[in-house]
Amino acid sequence: MNLSPLQKLDKILGILIISKEKRASMVQILLDANDEITYNDFDIVTTKLIKDGYIERPYGFSNPESHTIYSLTFEGLIFYQKGGYIYYSKNEKRKNIKDTIYIWAVAIGTSLAGIYGLFEILKWVAHHFHLHLPF
């Protein structure tokens, strides 16, 4: 099964969450991922998780590269429990759609108000200058 990049991020967080001590080696994470995360993707995915502050490589837990230990941070635990990357991605898309609809509604409302204002000005001009307009 090919996982999306966001699913790979959530997968590693999930693996660390279910691990007893909330930490695991690279080898253990790749084994638990059941070939859904490749060795080549692992570094990119963990770099993103570290950058976001959801996992860390504690000092003193680094062995040769294949045995580097990754541990879950408290922020990572909370983030995953709130839905993880997939949830926040979907939520962001919904928010963008909602914002776009709001912008269009304001634009249409403003245009209608402008047309109504122009119509009222024309009525006022016609009334004060005794002009006959077709409306």
Protein backbone atom coordinates (compact mmCIF):
# COMPACT_ATOMS: atom_id res chain seq x y z
CA MET A 1 0.00 0.00 0.00
CA ASN A 2 1.36 3.41 -0.96
CA LEU A 3 0.91 5.92 1.82
CA SER A 4 0.68 9.63 1.18
CA PRO A 5 3.33 11.82 2.81
CA LEU A 6 0.83 12.86 5.49
CA GLN A 7 -0.09 9.23 6.18
CA LYS A 8 3.61 8.41 6.58
CA LEU A 9 3.96 11.17 9.17
CA ASP A 10 0.93 9.88 11.07
CA LYS A 11 2.16 6.28 10.75
CA ILE A 12 5.45 7.01 12.50
CA LEU A 13 3.69 9.02 15.22
CA GLY A 14 1.27 6.11 15.70
CA ILE A 15 4.09 3.59 15.95
CA LEU A 16 5.80 5.65 18.65
CA ILE A 17 2.52 6.13 20.53
CA ILE A 18 1.83 2.41 20.78
CA SER A 19 5.40 1.60 21.78
CA LYS A 20 5.72 0.93 25.50
CA GLU A 21 8.26 3.67 26.25
CA LYS A 22 7.12 6.07 23.50
CA ARG A 23 10.40 5.56 21.69
CA ALA A 24 11.83 3.17 19.12
CA SER A 25 14.84 2.66 16.89
CA MET A 26 14.80 3.31 13.18
CA VAL A 27 14.89 -0.45 12.56
CA GLN A 28 11.92 -1.08 14.87
CA ILE A 29 9.88 1.73 13.29
CA LEU A 30 10.56 0.40 9.78
CA LEU A 31 9.61 -3.13 10.86
CA ASP A 32 6.41 -1.92 12.50
CA ALA A 33 5.57 0.11 9.40
CA ASN A 34 5.25 -3.16 7.41
CA ASP A 35 6.98 -1.82 4.27
CA GLU A 36 4.59 1.15 4.14
CA ILE A 37 7.55 3.46 4.81
CA THR A 38 10.74 2.79 2.90
CA TYR A 39 14.26 3.29 4.16
CA ASN A 40 14.63 6.12 1.61
CA ASP A 41 11.52 7.93 2.93
CA PHE A 42 12.36 7.43 6.58
CA ASP A 43 14.88 10.26 6.88
CA ILE A 44 12.63 12.78 5.14
CA VAL A 45 9.63 11.86 7.27
CA THR A 46 11.50 11.88 10.58
CA THR A 47 13.21 15.17 9.71
CA LYS A 48 9.77 16.76 9.25
CA LEU A 49 8.50 15.28 12.53
CA ILE A 50 11.59 16.57 14.36
CA LYS A 51 11.26 20.00 12.74
CA ASP A 52 7.61 20.18 13.82
CA GLY A 53 8.61 19.20 17.36
CA TYR A 54 6.62 15.95 17.48
CA ILE A 55 9.56 13.55 17.83
CA GLU A 56 13.16 13.93 18.89
CA ARG A 57 16.45 12.10 18.84
CA PRO A 58 17.54 12.32 22.47
CA TYR A 59 21.24 12.62 23.13
CA GLY A 60 22.69 9.47 24.58
CA PHE A 61 20.29 7.29 22.62
CA SER A 62 22.15 7.38 19.32
CA ASN A 63 23.97 4.25 18.24
CA PRO A 64 25.10 3.49 14.71
CA GLU A 65 22.69 5.01 12.19
CA SER A 66 20.33 2.05 11.99
CA HIS A 67 19.89 2.05 15.77
CA THR A 68 19.18 5.74 16.26
CA ILE A 69 16.41 6.08 18.82
CA TYR A 70 13.46 8.35 18.14
CA SER A 71 11.14 9.37 20.95
CA LEU A 72 7.74 10.96 20.96
CA THR A 73 7.40 14.43 22.50
CA PHE A 74 4.40 15.53 24.53
CA GLU A 75 3.44 17.85 21.65
CA GLY A 76 3.53 14.84 19.32
CA LEU A 77 1.24 12.88 21.60
CA ILE A 78 -1.29 15.71 21.81
CA PHE A 79 -1.09 16.39 18.05
CA TYR A 80 -1.71 12.73 17.20
CA GLN A 81 -4.59 12.44 19.68
CA LYS A 82 -6.22 15.49 18.07
CA GLY A 83 -6.15 13.76 14.68
CA GLY A 84 -2.63 14.12 13.35
CA TYR A 85 -1.52 15.43 9.98
CA ILE A 86 -4.43 13.94 8.00
CA TYR A 87 -7.03 15.61 10.22
CA TYR A 88 -5.29 18.98 10.15
CA SER A 89 -4.84 18.79 6.38
CA LYS A 90 -8.56 18.12 5.85
CA ASN A 91 -9.44 20.81 8.38
CA GLU A 92 -7.19 23.31 6.55
CA LYS A 93 -8.88 22.48 3.23
CA ARG A 94 -12.31 23.02 4.81
CA LYS A 95 -11.16 26.31 6.27
CA ASN A 96 -9.83 27.46 2.88
CA ILE A 97 -13.12 26.58 1.18
CA LYS A 98 -15.08 28.39 3.91
CA ASP A 99 -12.82 31.45 3.59
CA THR A 100 -13.25 31.47 -0.20
CA ILE A 101 -17.04 31.31 0.12
CA TYR A 102 -16.94 34.14 2.66
CA ILE A 103 -14.80 36.31 0.37
CA TRP A 104 -17.17 35.73 -2.55
CA ALA A 105 -20.22 36.48 -0.39
CA VAL A 106 -18.67 39.75 0.77
CA ALA A 107 -17.72 40.65 -2.81
CA ILE A 108 -21.23 39.94 -4.11
CA GLY A 109 -22.85 41.77 -1.19
CA THR A 110 -20.60 44.78 -1.69
CA SER A 111 -21.37 44.83 -5.41
CA LEU A 112 -25.12 44.68 -4.75
CA ALA A 113 -24.84 47.46 -2.18
CA GLY A 114 -22.91 49.56 -4.70
CA ILE A 115 -25.55 49.01 -7.39
CA TYR A 116 -28.33 49.87 -4.94
CA GLY A 117 -26.45 53.03 -3.85
CA LEU A 118 -26.01 54.11 -7.47
CA PHE A 119 -29.70 53.48 -8.12
CA GLU A 120 -30.64 55.65 -5.10
CA ILE A 121 -28.31 58.46 -6.28
CA LEU A 122 -29.89 58.35 -9.74
CA LYS A 123 -33.38 58.52 -8.19
CA TRP A 124 -32.33 61.51 -6.07
CA VAL A 125 -30.82 63.31 -9.09
CA ALA A 126 -33.93 62.58 -11.17
CA HIS A 127 -36.23 63.87 -8.43
CA HIS A 128 -34.29 67.08 -7.76
CA PHE A 129 -33.66 67.95 -11.40
CA HIS A 130 -37.08 66.84 -12.62
CA LEU A 131 -35.68 64.21 -14.96
CA HIS A 132 -37.72 61.31 -16.21
CA LEU A 133 -35.86 58.02 -15.81
CA PRO A 134 -37.26 54.67 -17.03
CA PHE A 135 -37.29 53.09 -13.52
